Amino acid sequence: MAEKLDPSDHQLMERTALGDREAFATLVRRHQRSVLSIAYRFLADRAQAEDAAQEVFLRLWRAAGRYKPERAIEAYLRTLTVNHCLDLGRKPRLLSLTEREEPMGSEDPHRDLLASERRAAVDRALQALAPSQRMAVILFHREALTVKEVARLLDISPKAVESLLSRARAALREKLNALLGS
């Protein structure tokens, strides 16, 4: 008995280019978490991130006929998401690079308070970065992309990414030392 395989992203994009809404809905379901994640980390607002994700998928729908399968759809969507977030031109408050799981009934409330204050300090320091530096930090540290992948997404050289990351780290160190009194 032959096993039914899920269609590949490329097959779904071909069907989407022909107007197949169900194929497109499958693409959205497969990739919405990644798109939302990048948008949310950059915009730091759930509603704005959802709006940005909708716009990214609308752009994907419109570009389906022009999509070239040389790049994986996931990489293509990351590019669309990064470019859209940068195009918004806002200087948003940014989320911490660490997960925000609040302890439930921790045994050391003082330590929890200090950790919370540190996360808030990191958020403020990230907010002060230039948008290109913020996006490089998000993609490299939070999304765990390589320098080459970040360079491709931001349409700059790997050397420029390394420079952005270096300047961002220096600015974060300086800002955090001032905020944390170290």
N, C-alpha and C. Protein backbone atom coordinates (compact mmCIF):
# COMPACT_ATOMS: atom_id res chain seq x y z
N MET A 1 0.85 -1.18 0.00
CA MET A 1 0.00 0.00 0.00
C MET A 1 0.89 1.24 0.00
N ALA A 2 0.68 2.12 -0.94
CA ALA A 2 1.51 3.33 -1.05
C ALA A 2 1.12 4.33 0.03
N GLU A 3 2.13 4.92 0.62
CA GLU A 3 1.94 5.90 1.68
C GLU A 3 1.81 7.29 1.05
N LYS A 4 0.82 8.06 1.48
CA LYS A 4 0.60 9.39 0.94
C LYS A 4 1.60 10.36 1.58
N LEU A 5 2.39 11.03 0.74
CA LEU A 5 3.38 11.98 1.23
C LEU A 5 2.82 13.39 1.15
N ASP A 6 3.21 14.21 2.12
CA ASP A 6 2.82 15.61 2.07
C ASP A 6 3.54 16.28 0.92
N PRO A 7 2.87 17.20 0.24
CA PRO A 7 3.54 17.89 -0.87
C PRO A 7 4.67 18.78 -0.33
N SER A 8 5.70 18.93 -1.14
CA SER A 8 6.82 19.78 -0.76
C SER A 8 6.40 21.24 -0.85
N ASP A 9 7.20 22.10 -0.24
CA ASP A 9 6.93 23.54 -0.33
C ASP A 9 6.93 24.00 -1.79
N HIS A 10 7.86 23.45 -2.56
CA HIS A 10 7.94 23.83 -3.98
C HIS A 10 6.65 23.45 -4.70
N GLN A 11 6.13 22.24 -4.45
CA GLN A 11 4.88 21.82 -5.08
C GLN A 11 3.73 22.72 -4.64
N LEU A 12 3.73 23.06 -3.35
CA LEU A 12 2.67 23.94 -2.85
C LEU A 12 2.74 25.33 -3.49
N MET A 13 3.97 25.83 -3.69
CA MET A 13 4.13 27.14 -4.35
C MET A 13 3.66 27.07 -5.80
N GLU A 14 3.93 25.97 -6.48
CA GLU A 14 3.45 25.82 -7.86
C GLU A 14 1.93 25.84 -7.89
N ARG A 15 1.31 25.15 -6.97
CA ARG A 15 -0.15 25.12 -6.90
C ARG A 15 -0.70 26.49 -6.50
N THR A 16 0.01 27.18 -5.58
CA THR A 16 -0.41 28.52 -5.16
C THR A 16 -0.37 29.48 -6.35
N ALA A 17 0.65 29.35 -7.17
CA ALA A 17 0.77 30.21 -8.36
C ALA A 17 -0.41 30.03 -9.30
N LEU A 18 -1.05 28.86 -9.24
CA LEU A 18 -2.24 28.60 -10.06
C LEU A 18 -3.53 29.00 -9.35
N GLY A 19 -3.39 29.60 -8.16
CA GLY A 19 -4.57 30.07 -7.42
C GLY A 19 -5.13 29.10 -6.41
N ASP A 20 -4.42 28.04 -6.10
CA ASP A 20 -4.89 27.03 -5.15
C ASP A 20 -4.78 27.56 -3.72
N ARG A 21 -5.91 27.95 -3.17
CA ARG A 21 -5.94 28.54 -1.82
C ARG A 21 -5.61 27.51 -0.73
N GLU A 22 -5.98 26.28 -0.94
CA GLU A 22 -5.68 25.24 0.06
C GLU A 22 -4.17 24.98 0.13
N ALA A 23 -3.51 24.99 -1.01
CA ALA A 23 -2.05 24.83 -1.02
C ALA A 23 -1.40 25.99 -0.27
N PHE A 24 -1.92 27.18 -0.51
CA PHE A 24 -1.39 28.36 0.17
C PHE A 24 -1.63 28.27 1.67
N ALA A 25 -2.82 27.83 2.07
CA ALA A 25 -3.13 27.68 3.50
C ALA A 25 -2.18 26.68 4.15
N THR A 26 -1.81 25.64 3.43
CA THR A 26 -0.85 24.66 3.96
C THR A 26 0.52 25.32 4.17
N LEU A 27 0.95 26.14 3.21
CA LEU A 27 2.22 26.87 3.36
C LEU A 27 2.18 27.78 4.59
N VAL A 28 1.08 28.48 4.75
CA VAL A 28 0.94 29.39 5.90
C VAL A 28 1.04 28.59 7.19
N ARG A 29 0.31 27.49 7.28
CA ARG A 29 0.35 26.67 8.51
C ARG A 29 1.77 26.17 8.78
N ARG A 30 2.47 25.78 7.75
CA ARG A 30 3.83 25.25 7.93
C ARG A 30 4.82 26.31 8.42
N HIS A 31 4.64 27.56 7.97
CA HIS A 31 5.68 28.55 8.19
C HIS A 31 5.27 29.74 9.05
N GLN A 32 4.04 29.79 9.51
CA GLN A 32 3.60 30.96 10.26
C GLN A 32 4.35 31.15 11.58
N ARG A 33 4.71 30.07 12.24
CA ARG A 33 5.42 30.19 13.52
C ARG A 33 6.76 30.91 13.34
N SER A 34 7.51 30.55 12.31
CA SER A 34 8.81 31.17 12.05
C SER A 34 8.66 32.65 11.70
N VAL A 35 7.71 32.95 10.83
CA VAL A 35 7.48 34.34 10.42
C VAL A 35 7.06 35.18 11.62
N LEU A 36 6.11 34.67 12.39
CA LEU A 36 5.65 35.39 13.59
C LEU A 36 6.78 35.58 14.59
N SER A 37 7.62 34.58 14.74
CA SER A 37 8.72 34.66 15.70
C SER A 37 9.67 35.81 15.37
N ILE A 38 10.08 35.90 14.12
CA ILE A 38 10.99 36.98 13.72
C ILE A 38 10.31 38.33 13.87
N ALA A 39 9.08 38.44 13.38
CA ALA A 39 8.36 39.72 13.46
C ALA A 39 8.14 40.13 14.92
N TYR A 40 7.78 39.19 15.77
CA TYR A 40 7.51 39.50 17.17
C TYR A 40 8.77 39.95 17.90
N ARG A 41 9.88 39.30 17.61
CA ARG A 41 11.12 39.69 18.27
C ARG A 41 11.58 41.08 17.83
N PHE A 42 11.27 41.43 16.61
CA PHE A 42 11.67 42.76 16.14
C PHE A 42 10.69 43.83 16.59
N LEU A 43 9.40 43.55 16.50
CA LEU A 43 8.38 44.56 16.79
C LEU A 43 7.96 44.59 18.26
N ALA A 44 8.15 43.49 18.97
CA ALA A 44 7.84 43.39 20.40
C ALA A 44 6.39 43.68 20.73
N ASP A 45 5.52 43.45 19.78
CA ASP A 45 4.09 43.66 19.99
C ASP A 45 3.36 42.58 19.21
N ARG A 46 2.57 41.79 19.91
CA ARG A 46 1.90 40.64 19.28
C ARG A 46 1.01 41.07 18.12
N ALA A 47 0.21 42.10 18.31
CA ALA A 47 -0.70 42.54 17.26
C ALA A 47 0.07 43.04 16.04
N GLN A 48 1.13 43.83 16.27
CA GLN A 48 1.94 44.30 15.14
C GLN A 48 2.63 43.14 14.43
N ALA A 49 3.09 42.16 15.19
CA ALA A 49 3.75 41.00 14.59
C ALA A 49 2.76 40.21 13.74
N GLU A 50 1.54 40.06 14.23
CA GLU A 50 0.52 39.35 13.46
C GLU A 50 0.18 40.11 12.18
N ASP A 51 0.08 41.44 12.27
CA ASP A 51 -0.15 42.25 11.07
C ASP A 51 1.00 42.10 10.08
N ALA A 52 2.22 42.12 10.60
CA ALA A 52 3.40 41.97 9.73
C ALA A 52 3.40 40.60 9.07
N ALA A 53 3.06 39.55 9.83
CA ALA A 53 3.02 38.20 9.28
C ALA A 53 1.96 38.11 8.17
N GLN A 54 0.81 38.73 8.39
CA GLN A 54 -0.22 38.74 7.35
C GLN A 54 0.29 39.41 6.08
N GLU A 55 0.98 40.51 6.24
CA GLU A 55 1.54 41.22 5.09
C GLU A 55 2.58 40.36 4.38
N VAL A 56 3.42 39.67 5.14
CA VAL A 56 4.44 38.79 4.55
C VAL A 56 3.77 37.69 3.73
N PHE A 57 2.73 37.07 4.28
CA PHE A 57 2.06 36.00 3.54
C PHE A 57 1.27 36.54 2.35
N LEU A 58 0.76 37.75 2.46
CA LEU A 58 0.10 38.39 1.31
C LEU A 58 1.12 38.61 0.19
N ARG A 59 2.31 39.06 0.56
CA ARG A 59 3.39 39.25 -0.43
C ARG A 59 3.78 37.91 -1.05
N LEU A 60 3.80 36.85 -0.24
CA LEU A 60 4.12 35.52 -0.76
C LEU A 60 3.06 35.10 -1.79
N TRP A 61 1.80 35.30 -1.48
CA TRP A 61 0.70 34.96 -2.39
C TRP A 61 0.88 35.69 -3.73
N ARG A 62 1.16 37.00 -3.62
CA ARG A 62 1.32 37.81 -4.83
C ARG A 62 2.54 37.40 -5.66
N ALA A 63 3.58 36.91 -4.98
CA ALA A 63 4.83 36.57 -5.67
C ALA A 63 4.89 35.09 -6.08
N ALA A 64 3.85 34.34 -5.82
CA ALA A 64 3.88 32.89 -6.07
C ALA A 64 4.26 32.56 -7.51
N GLY A 65 3.78 33.32 -8.46
CA GLY A 65 4.08 33.06 -9.86
C GLY A 65 5.51 33.36 -10.24
N ARG A 66 6.17 34.20 -9.45
CA ARG A 66 7.56 34.59 -9.73
C ARG A 66 8.57 33.82 -8.86
N TYR A 67 8.08 33.01 -7.94
CA TYR A 67 8.96 32.29 -7.02
C TYR A 67 9.86 31.32 -7.79
N LYS A 68 11.14 31.38 -7.48
CA LYS A 68 12.13 30.48 -8.08
C LYS A 68 12.59 29.50 -7.00
N PRO A 69 12.56 28.22 -7.30
CA PRO A 69 12.88 27.22 -6.27
C PRO A 69 14.36 27.08 -5.92
N GLU A 70 15.22 28.02 -6.34
CA GLU A 70 16.63 27.92 -5.96
C GLU A 70 16.80 28.05 -4.44
N ARG A 71 15.92 28.80 -3.82
CA ARG A 71 15.98 29.01 -2.37
C ARG A 71 14.82 28.29 -1.71
N ALA A 72 15.08 27.76 -0.54
CA ALA A 72 14.01 27.13 0.22
C ALA A 72 12.98 28.19 0.59
N ILE A 73 11.72 27.80 0.63
CA ILE A 73 10.65 28.75 0.95
C ILE A 73 10.86 29.37 2.32
N GLU A 74 11.42 28.60 3.26
CA GLU A 74 11.67 29.13 4.60
C GLU A 74 12.64 30.31 4.54
N ALA A 75 13.70 30.18 3.75
CA ALA A 75 14.66 31.28 3.60
C ALA A 75 14.01 32.47 2.89
N TYR A 76 13.20 32.19 1.91
CA TYR A 76 12.50 33.24 1.18
C TYR A 76 11.57 34.01 2.13
N LEU A 77 10.84 33.29 2.97
CA LEU A 77 9.94 33.94 3.93
C LEU A 77 10.70 34.74 4.98
N ARG A 78 11.85 34.23 5.43
CA ARG A 78 12.66 35.01 6.37
C ARG A 78 13.09 36.32 5.74
N THR A 79 13.49 36.26 4.47
CA THR A 79 13.89 37.47 3.77
C THR A 79 12.73 38.46 3.70
N LEU A 80 11.56 37.96 3.31
CA LEU A 80 10.38 38.84 3.25
C LEU A 80 10.07 39.45 4.62
N THR A 81 10.17 38.64 5.66
CA THR A 81 9.86 39.11 7.02
C THR A 81 10.86 40.16 7.48
N VAL A 82 12.13 39.87 7.31
CA VAL A 82 13.17 40.82 7.71
C VAL A 82 12.99 42.15 6.96
N ASN A 83 12.82 42.06 5.66
CA ASN A 83 12.67 43.29 4.88
C ASN A 83 11.43 44.07 5.28
N HIS A 84 10.34 43.38 5.52
CA HIS A 84 9.12 44.08 5.92
C HIS A 84 9.30 44.76 7.29
N CYS A 85 9.88 44.06 8.24
CA CYS A 85 10.09 44.65 9.56
C CYS A 85 11.02 45.86 9.48
N LEU A 86 12.08 45.76 8.69
CA LEU A 86 12.98 46.90 8.53
C LEU A 86 12.29 48.05 7.82
N ASP A 87 11.42 47.73 6.85
CA ASP A 87 10.69 48.77 6.12
C ASP A 87 9.70 49.53 6.99
N LEU A 88 9.24 48.90 8.05
CA LEU A 88 8.27 49.57 8.91
C LEU A 88 8.84 50.86 9.49
N GLY A 89 10.18 50.90 9.61
CA GLY A 89 10.85 52.12 10.03
C GLY A 89 10.57 52.57 11.44
N ARG A 90 10.07 51.69 12.24
CA ARG A 90 9.81 52.05 13.63
C ARG A 90 11.02 51.74 14.47
N LYS A 91 11.10 52.37 15.61
CA LYS A 91 12.15 52.02 16.58
C LYS A 91 11.43 51.38 17.77
N PRO A 92 11.09 50.09 17.61
CA PRO A 92 10.28 49.44 18.63
C PRO A 92 11.07 48.98 19.84
N ARG A 93 10.33 48.74 20.90
CA ARG A 93 10.91 48.09 22.06
C ARG A 93 11.08 46.64 21.68
N LEU A 94 12.18 46.07 22.03
CA LEU A 94 12.52 44.73 21.59
C LEU A 94 12.52 43.77 22.76
N LEU A 95 12.19 42.54 22.48
CA LEU A 95 12.19 41.53 23.53
C LEU A 95 13.60 41.07 23.85
N SER A 96 13.75 40.57 25.01
CA SER A 96 15.03 40.01 25.45
C SER A 96 15.42 38.83 24.57
N LEU A 97 16.69 38.59 24.48
CA LEU A 97 17.17 37.43 23.73
C LEU A 97 16.97 36.15 24.51
N THR A 98 16.66 36.26 25.79
CA THR A 98 16.41 35.08 26.60
C THR A 98 14.92 34.84 26.67
N GLU A 99 14.55 33.60 26.85
CA GLU A 99 13.13 33.27 26.99
C GLU A 99 12.58 33.90 28.26
N ARG A 100 11.32 34.23 28.25
CA ARG A 100 10.70 34.91 29.37
C ARG A 100 9.82 33.97 30.18
N GLU A 101 10.29 32.86 30.53
CA GLU A 101 9.50 31.98 31.35
C GLU A 101 9.64 32.42 32.79
N GLU A 102 8.53 32.83 33.36
CA GLU A 102 8.52 33.28 34.74
C GLU A 102 8.43 32.07 35.66
N PRO A 103 9.27 32.03 36.67
CA PRO A 103 9.21 30.90 37.60
C PRO A 103 7.90 30.90 38.37
N MET A 104 7.41 29.72 38.62
CA MET A 104 6.16 29.59 39.37
C MET A 104 6.52 29.17 40.78
N GLY A 105 6.37 30.07 41.73
CA GLY A 105 6.63 29.75 43.12
C GLY A 105 8.10 29.43 43.38
N SER A 106 8.97 30.25 42.87
CA SER A 106 10.40 30.02 43.03
C SER A 106 10.78 30.09 44.50
N GLU A 107 11.85 29.39 44.83
CA GLU A 107 12.31 29.38 46.21
C GLU A 107 13.16 30.60 46.55
N ASP A 108 13.60 31.35 45.55
CA ASP A 108 14.44 32.51 45.78
C ASP A 108 13.87 33.73 45.07
N PRO A 109 12.90 34.42 45.68
CA PRO A 109 12.28 35.57 45.03
C PRO A 109 13.28 36.70 44.74
N HIS A 110 14.29 36.84 45.57
CA HIS A 110 15.30 37.88 45.34
C HIS A 110 16.05 37.61 44.04
N ARG A 111 16.46 36.36 43.82
CA ARG A 111 17.15 35.99 42.59
C ARG A 111 16.23 36.18 41.38
N ASP A 112 14.95 35.84 41.55
CA ASP A 112 13.98 36.03 40.46
C ASP A 112 13.83 37.51 40.11
N LEU A 113 13.80 38.37 41.12
CA LEU A 113 13.69 39.80 40.90
C LEU A 113 14.91 40.33 40.14
N LEU A 114 16.10 39.88 40.57
CA LEU A 114 17.33 40.30 39.88
C LEU A 114 17.33 39.84 38.42
N ALA A 115 16.89 38.61 38.18
CA ALA A 115 16.83 38.10 36.80
C ALA A 115 15.85 38.91 35.97
N SER A 116 14.73 39.26 36.57
CA SER A 116 13.73 40.08 35.87
C SER A 116 14.29 41.46 35.54
N GLU A 117 15.02 42.05 36.48
CA GLU A 117 15.62 43.36 36.24
C GLU A 117 16.68 43.30 35.15
N ARG A 118 17.42 42.21 35.13
CA ARG A 118 18.44 42.05 34.06
C ARG A 118 17.79 41.92 32.70
N ARG A 119 16.70 41.13 32.62
CA ARG A 119 15.98 41.00 31.34
C ARG A 119 15.47 42.36 30.88
N ALA A 120 14.93 43.13 31.80
CA ALA A 120 14.43 44.47 31.45
C ALA A 120 15.57 45.37 30.98
N ALA A 121 16.72 45.25 31.62
CA ALA A 121 17.89 46.05 31.21
C ALA A 121 18.34 45.66 29.81
N VAL A 122 18.35 44.37 29.51
CA VAL A 122 18.72 43.92 28.17
C VAL A 122 17.72 44.45 27.15
N ASP A 123 16.43 44.41 27.48
CA ASP A 123 15.40 44.95 26.58
C ASP A 123 15.66 46.42 26.28
N ARG A 124 15.96 47.20 27.32
CA ARG A 124 16.21 48.63 27.10
C ARG A 124 17.46 48.85 26.26
N ALA A 125 18.48 48.05 26.50
CA ALA A 125 19.71 48.18 25.72
C ALA A 125 19.47 47.80 24.26
N LEU A 126 18.70 46.76 24.02
CA LEU A 126 18.38 46.36 22.64
C LEU A 126 17.57 47.43 21.93
N GLN A 127 16.68 48.05 22.66
CA GLN A 127 15.85 49.11 22.09
C GLN A 127 16.70 50.27 21.60
N ALA A 128 17.82 50.51 22.24
CA ALA A 128 18.68 51.63 21.89
C ALA A 128 19.53 51.36 20.64
N LEU A 129 19.60 50.11 20.19
CA LEU A 129 20.40 49.78 19.01
C LEU A 129 19.74 50.30 17.74
N ALA A 130 20.56 50.54 16.73
CA ALA A 130 20.05 50.89 15.40
C ALA A 130 19.27 49.68 14.87
N PRO A 131 18.23 49.91 14.05
CA PRO A 131 17.43 48.78 13.55
C PRO A 131 18.24 47.69 12.86
N SER A 132 19.24 48.05 12.07
CA SER A 132 20.03 47.02 11.38
C SER A 132 20.83 46.19 12.39
N GLN A 133 21.32 46.83 13.45
CA GLN A 133 22.04 46.10 14.49
C GLN A 133 21.08 45.17 15.25
N ARG A 134 19.89 45.69 15.58
CA ARG A 134 18.89 44.85 16.28
C ARG A 134 18.57 43.62 15.45
N MET A 135 18.31 43.83 14.15
CA MET A 135 17.93 42.70 13.31
C MET A 135 19.07 41.70 13.20
N ALA A 136 20.30 42.17 13.08
CA ALA A 136 21.45 41.26 13.02
C ALA A 136 21.55 40.45 14.31
N VAL A 137 21.37 41.10 15.45
CA VAL A 137 21.43 40.41 16.75
C VAL A 137 20.31 39.37 16.84
N ILE A 138 19.11 39.74 16.44
CA ILE A 138 17.97 38.82 16.50
C ILE A 138 18.23 37.59 15.63
N LEU A 139 18.64 37.84 14.39
CA LEU A 139 18.83 36.72 13.46
C LEU A 139 19.99 35.82 13.88
N PHE A 140 21.07 36.43 14.33
CA PHE A 140 22.26 35.64 14.67
C PHE A 140 22.10 34.94 16.02
N HIS A 141 21.70 35.68 17.04
CA HIS A 141 21.66 35.09 18.38
C HIS A 141 20.35 34.37 18.68
N ARG A 142 19.23 34.93 18.28
CA ARG A 142 17.96 34.33 18.64
C ARG A 142 17.49 33.29 17.63
N GLU A 143 17.63 33.62 16.35
CA GLU A 143 17.20 32.67 15.31
C GLU A 143 18.30 31.67 14.97
N ALA A 144 19.49 31.87 15.53
CA ALA A 144 20.63 30.95 15.36
C ALA A 144 21.03 30.76 13.90
N LEU A 145 20.97 31.83 13.13
CA LEU A 145 21.42 31.78 11.75
C LEU A 145 22.93 32.03 11.70
N THR A 146 23.56 31.57 10.65
CA THR A 146 24.98 31.82 10.48
C THR A 146 25.19 33.24 9.97
N VAL A 147 26.41 33.72 10.04
CA VAL A 147 26.73 35.05 9.54
C VAL A 147 26.38 35.15 8.06
N LYS A 148 26.68 34.09 7.30
CA LYS A 148 26.36 34.09 5.86
C LYS A 148 24.86 34.19 5.63
N GLU A 149 24.07 33.49 6.43
CA GLU A 149 22.61 33.54 6.28
C GLU A 149 22.08 34.92 6.63
N VAL A 150 22.60 35.50 7.70
CA VAL A 150 22.19 36.86 8.09
C VAL A 150 22.56 37.84 6.98
N ALA A 151 23.74 37.69 6.43
CA ALA A 151 24.19 38.58 5.34
C ALA A 151 23.25 38.48 4.16
N ARG A 152 22.87 37.28 3.80
CA ARG A 152 21.96 37.09 2.67
C ARG A 152 20.60 37.74 2.96
N LEU A 153 20.09 37.56 4.17
CA LEU A 153 18.79 38.13 4.52
C LEU A 153 18.81 39.66 4.54
N LEU A 154 19.90 40.23 5.05
CA LEU A 154 20.00 41.68 5.14
C LEU A 154 20.57 42.30 3.87
N ASP A 155 20.94 41.45 2.92
CA ASP A 155 21.50 41.89 1.64
C ASP A 155 22.76 42.73 1.84
N ILE A 156 23.64 42.21 2.69
CA ILE A 156 24.94 42.85 2.94
C ILE A 156 26.00 41.75 2.97
N SER A 157 27.26 42.14 3.03
CA SER A 157 28.33 41.15 3.05
C SER A 157 28.46 40.53 4.45
N PRO A 158 29.03 39.32 4.52
CA PRO A 158 29.28 38.71 5.83
C PRO A 158 30.16 39.61 6.70
N LYS A 159 31.11 40.29 6.09
CA LYS A 159 31.98 41.20 6.83
C LYS A 159 31.15 42.33 7.46
N ALA A 160 30.17 42.83 6.72
CA ALA A 160 29.30 43.88 7.25
C ALA A 160 28.45 43.35 8.41
N VAL A 161 28.01 42.10 8.33
CA VAL A 161 27.25 41.49 9.44
C VAL A 161 28.13 41.41 10.67
N GLU A 162 29.37 40.94 10.49
CA GLU A 162 30.29 40.85 11.62
C GLU A 162 30.52 42.22 12.24
N SER A 163 30.60 43.24 11.40
CA SER A 163 30.77 44.60 11.90
C SER A 163 29.53 45.05 12.68
N LEU A 164 28.33 44.78 12.14
CA LEU A 164 27.09 45.12 12.85
C LEU A 164 27.03 44.43 14.21
N LEU A 165 27.36 43.15 14.22
CA LEU A 165 27.31 42.39 15.47
C LEU A 165 28.35 42.91 16.46
N SER A 166 29.52 43.24 15.98
CA SER A 166 30.57 43.76 16.85
C SER A 166 30.16 45.09 17.47
N ARG A 167 29.63 45.99 16.63
CA ARG A 167 29.17 47.29 17.14
C ARG A 167 28.00 47.12 18.10
N ALA A 168 27.11 46.20 17.78
CA ALA A 168 25.95 45.94 18.64
C ALA A 168 26.40 45.41 20.00
N ARG A 169 27.33 44.47 19.99
CA ARG A 169 27.83 43.91 21.26
C ARG A 169 28.51 44.98 22.10
N ALA A 170 29.30 45.83 21.45
CA ALA A 170 29.98 46.91 22.19
C ALA A 170 28.95 47.87 22.78
N ALA A 171 27.94 48.22 21.99
CA ALA A 171 26.91 49.14 22.48
C ALA A 171 26.11 48.49 23.61
N LEU A 172 25.80 47.21 23.47
CA LEU A 172 25.07 46.50 24.53
C LEU A 172 25.89 46.43 25.81
N ARG A 173 27.19 46.13 25.68
CA ARG A 173 28.05 46.09 26.86
C ARG A 173 28.05 47.44 27.57
N GLU A 174 28.25 48.50 26.79
CA GLU A 174 28.30 49.84 27.38
C GLU A 174 26.96 50.21 28.04
N LYS A 175 25.90 49.95 27.34
CA LYS A 175 24.56 50.29 27.87
C LYS A 175 24.24 49.46 29.10
N LEU A 176 24.56 48.18 29.05
CA LEU A 176 24.24 47.30 30.19
C LEU A 176 25.11 47.64 31.40
N ASN A 177 26.35 47.99 31.18
CA ASN A 177 27.19 48.41 32.31
C ASN A 177 26.59 49.64 32.98
N ALA A 178 26.09 50.58 32.17
CA ALA A 178 25.48 51.79 32.73
C ALA A 178 24.17 51.45 33.44
N LEU A 179 23.34 50.58 32.82
CA LEU A 179 22.04 50.24 33.41
C LEU A 179 22.16 49.39 34.66
N LEU A 180 23.12 48.47 34.65
CA LEU A 180 23.27 47.55 35.78
C LEU A 180 24.28 48.04 36.81
N GLY A 181 24.92 49.17 36.53
CA GLY A 181 25.84 49.73 37.47
C GLY A 181 27.09 48.90 37.69
N SER A 182 27.49 48.17 36.63
CA SER A 182 28.68 47.31 36.75
C SER A 182 29.94 48.07 36.43
